């Protein structure tokens, strides 16, 4: 009796990469290194302040505030509703003034807006691509909140 071997493959998890990889892997060799380098930078070699921020995001007080804000907005993305008039599920508690910029505002009720993943990516893309400054973003988000 002849045995047939089927290779099970999938696509690299890095957005935009279409390289085929073994089903047991998550990333192709190139992106595996990138992910490892990012992990090392963010976790192993993190500053004391970064560790403090990470500890905050894992705290009970943050989780309670996030849950409270989610209930207040019925789990809906505030940016989608107010700017586009569409309904999307919020997944992220976004700090209007980033925690890294003002740690004292980390639990400020008025500094958190619930948004969906797409809006969160767009906000950070606009900041990273310098089409929107942090100050402009803060002004826009405060008008929504």
Protein backbone atom coordinates (compact mmCIF):
# COMPACT_ATOMS: atom_id res chain seq x y z
CA UNK A 1 0.00 0.00 0.00
CA UNK A 2 1.35 3.37 -1.01
CA UNK A 3 1.30 6.21 1.48
CA UNK A 4 0.48 9.69 0.22
CA UNK A 5 2.13 12.59 2.02
CA UNK A 6 0.38 15.93 1.87
CA UNK A 7 2.33 19.03 2.84
CA UNK A 8 0.14 21.37 4.85
CA UNK A 9 1.14 24.98 4.36
CA UNK A 10 -0.19 28.40 5.20
CA UNK A 11 0.68 32.04 4.55
CA UNK A 12 3.02 34.08 6.78
CA UNK A 13 1.05 36.03 9.41
CA UNK A 14 2.83 39.32 8.57
CA UNK A 15 0.31 41.55 6.81
CA UNK A 16 1.21 41.84 3.13
CA UNK A 17 3.57 38.85 3.11
CA UNK A 18 2.30 36.01 0.95
CA UNK A 19 5.18 33.61 1.52
CA UNK A 20 4.11 30.01 2.07
CA UNK A 21 5.31 28.47 5.31
CA UNK A 22 4.94 25.22 7.23
CA UNK A 23 1.64 24.97 9.08
CA UNK A 24 3.47 24.79 12.43
CA UNK A 25 5.07 28.22 11.92
CA UNK A 26 3.50 31.63 12.27
CA UNK A 27 5.95 33.73 10.25
CA UNK A 28 8.39 33.20 7.40
CA UNK A 29 12.11 33.32 8.27
CA UNK A 30 12.40 37.02 7.41
CA UNK A 31 9.46 38.10 9.56
CA UNK A 32 10.33 35.68 12.37
CA UNK A 33 13.53 37.68 12.88
CA UNK A 34 11.62 40.99 12.80
CA UNK A 35 9.13 39.76 15.40
CA UNK A 36 11.94 38.46 17.62
CA UNK A 37 13.80 41.78 17.35
CA UNK A 38 10.63 43.72 18.19
CA UNK A 39 9.97 41.46 21.17
CA UNK A 40 13.54 41.93 22.41
CA UNK A 41 13.29 45.70 22.05
CA UNK A 42 9.91 45.94 23.74
CA UNK A 43 10.25 43.32 26.47
CA UNK A 44 13.75 42.17 27.19
CA UNK A 45 15.44 45.54 26.71
CA UNK A 46 12.56 47.74 27.82
CA UNK A 47 13.22 50.79 29.97
CA UNK A 48 11.87 50.97 33.48
CA UNK A 49 9.18 53.38 32.25
CA UNK A 50 8.11 50.94 29.51
CA UNK A 51 7.85 48.21 32.13
CA UNK A 52 5.73 50.55 34.27
CA UNK A 53 3.42 51.21 31.30
CA UNK A 54 3.13 47.48 30.54
CA UNK A 55 2.30 46.80 34.20
CA UNK A 56 -0.42 49.47 34.04
CA UNK A 57 -2.09 47.86 31.01
CA UNK A 58 -2.19 44.54 32.90
CA UNK A 59 -3.65 46.16 36.04
CA UNK A 60 -7.10 45.59 37.50
CA UNK A 61 -7.76 49.34 37.62
CA UNK A 62 -7.17 49.66 33.87
CA UNK A 63 -9.34 46.63 33.09
CA UNK A 64 -12.17 48.04 35.23
CA UNK A 65 -11.97 51.44 33.53
CA UNK A 66 -11.90 49.82 30.08
CA UNK A 67 -14.98 47.73 30.93
CA UNK A 68 -16.81 50.78 32.32
CA UNK A 69 -16.06 52.82 29.18
CA UNK A 70 -17.15 49.91 26.96
CA UNK A 71 -20.49 49.69 28.76
CA UNK A 72 -21.00 53.48 28.52
CA UNK A 73 -20.77 53.36 24.73
CA UNK A 74 -22.61 50.05 24.33
CA UNK A 75 -19.47 48.49 22.87
CA UNK A 76 -19.51 50.74 19.80
CA UNK A 77 -16.65 52.59 18.11
CA UNK A 78 -17.07 56.28 18.85
CA UNK A 79 -15.05 57.40 15.82
CA UNK A 80 -17.13 55.34 13.35
CA UNK A 81 -20.41 56.58 14.80
CA UNK A 82 -19.52 60.26 15.06
CA UNK A 83 -17.36 60.72 11.97
CA UNK A 84 -18.68 58.17 9.48
CA UNK A 85 -22.19 57.50 10.76
CA UNK A 86 -21.61 53.74 10.77
CA UNK A 87 -21.78 51.18 13.56
CA UNK A 88 -18.72 49.08 14.40
CA UNK A 89 -17.78 47.14 17.51
CA UNK A 90 -15.16 48.85 19.67
CA UNK A 91 -12.24 46.67 20.70
CA UNK A 92 -9.69 49.18 21.98
CA UNK A 93 -9.63 51.68 24.82
CA UNK A 94 -7.53 54.38 23.17
CA UNK A 95 -5.85 57.02 25.33
CA UNK A 96 -6.36 60.43 23.73
CA UNK A 97 -3.24 61.75 25.44
CA UNK A 98 -0.90 58.73 25.25
CA UNK A 99 0.13 57.10 28.52
CA UNK A 100 3.77 57.56 27.52
CA UNK A 101 3.22 61.33 27.19
CA UNK A 102 1.33 61.85 30.45
CA UNK A 103 1.28 58.88 32.80
CA UNK A 104 -0.90 60.80 35.29
CA UNK A 105 -3.82 60.76 32.80
CA UNK A 106 -3.75 56.97 32.39
CA UNK A 107 -6.96 56.47 34.42
CA UNK A 108 -8.64 59.76 33.48
CA UNK A 109 -12.16 58.91 32.31
CA UNK A 110 -12.13 61.77 29.77
CA UNK A 111 -8.84 60.61 28.28
CA UNK A 112 -10.14 57.28 26.95
CA UNK A 113 -12.21 56.71 23.85
CA UNK A 114 -13.47 53.32 22.70
CA UNK A 115 -12.61 52.59 19.08
CA UNK A 116 -12.47 49.69 16.62
CA UNK A 117 -9.26 48.12 15.32
CA UNK A 118 -9.54 49.86 11.93
CA UNK A 119 -9.87 53.33 13.45
CA UNK A 120 -7.01 52.61 15.85
CA UNK A 121 -4.73 51.58 12.97
CA UNK A 122 -5.74 54.63 10.92
CA UNK A 123 -5.05 56.98 13.85
CA UNK A 124 -1.58 55.57 14.40
CA UNK A 125 -0.84 55.43 10.66
CA UNK A 126 -1.70 59.11 10.34
CA UNK A 127 0.59 59.97 13.24
CA UNK A 128 3.43 57.75 12.01
CA UNK A 129 3.13 59.10 8.45
CA UNK A 130 3.09 62.62 9.85
CA UNK A 131 -0.21 63.53 8.17
CA UNK A 132 -1.56 64.34 11.62
CA UNK A 133 0.27 65.61 14.67
CA UNK A 134 -0.41 64.33 18.17
CA UNK A 135 -1.87 67.73 19.10
CA UNK A 136 -4.25 67.67 16.10
CA UNK A 137 -5.32 64.13 16.96
CA UNK A 138 -5.94 65.05 20.59
CA UNK A 139 -8.09 67.98 19.51
CA UNK A 140 -10.13 65.79 17.14
CA UNK A 141 -10.62 62.99 19.66
CA UNK A 142 -11.62 65.35 22.46
CA UNK A 143 -14.34 66.76 20.22
CA UNK A 144 -15.68 63.23 19.75
CA UNK A 145 -15.43 62.18 23.39
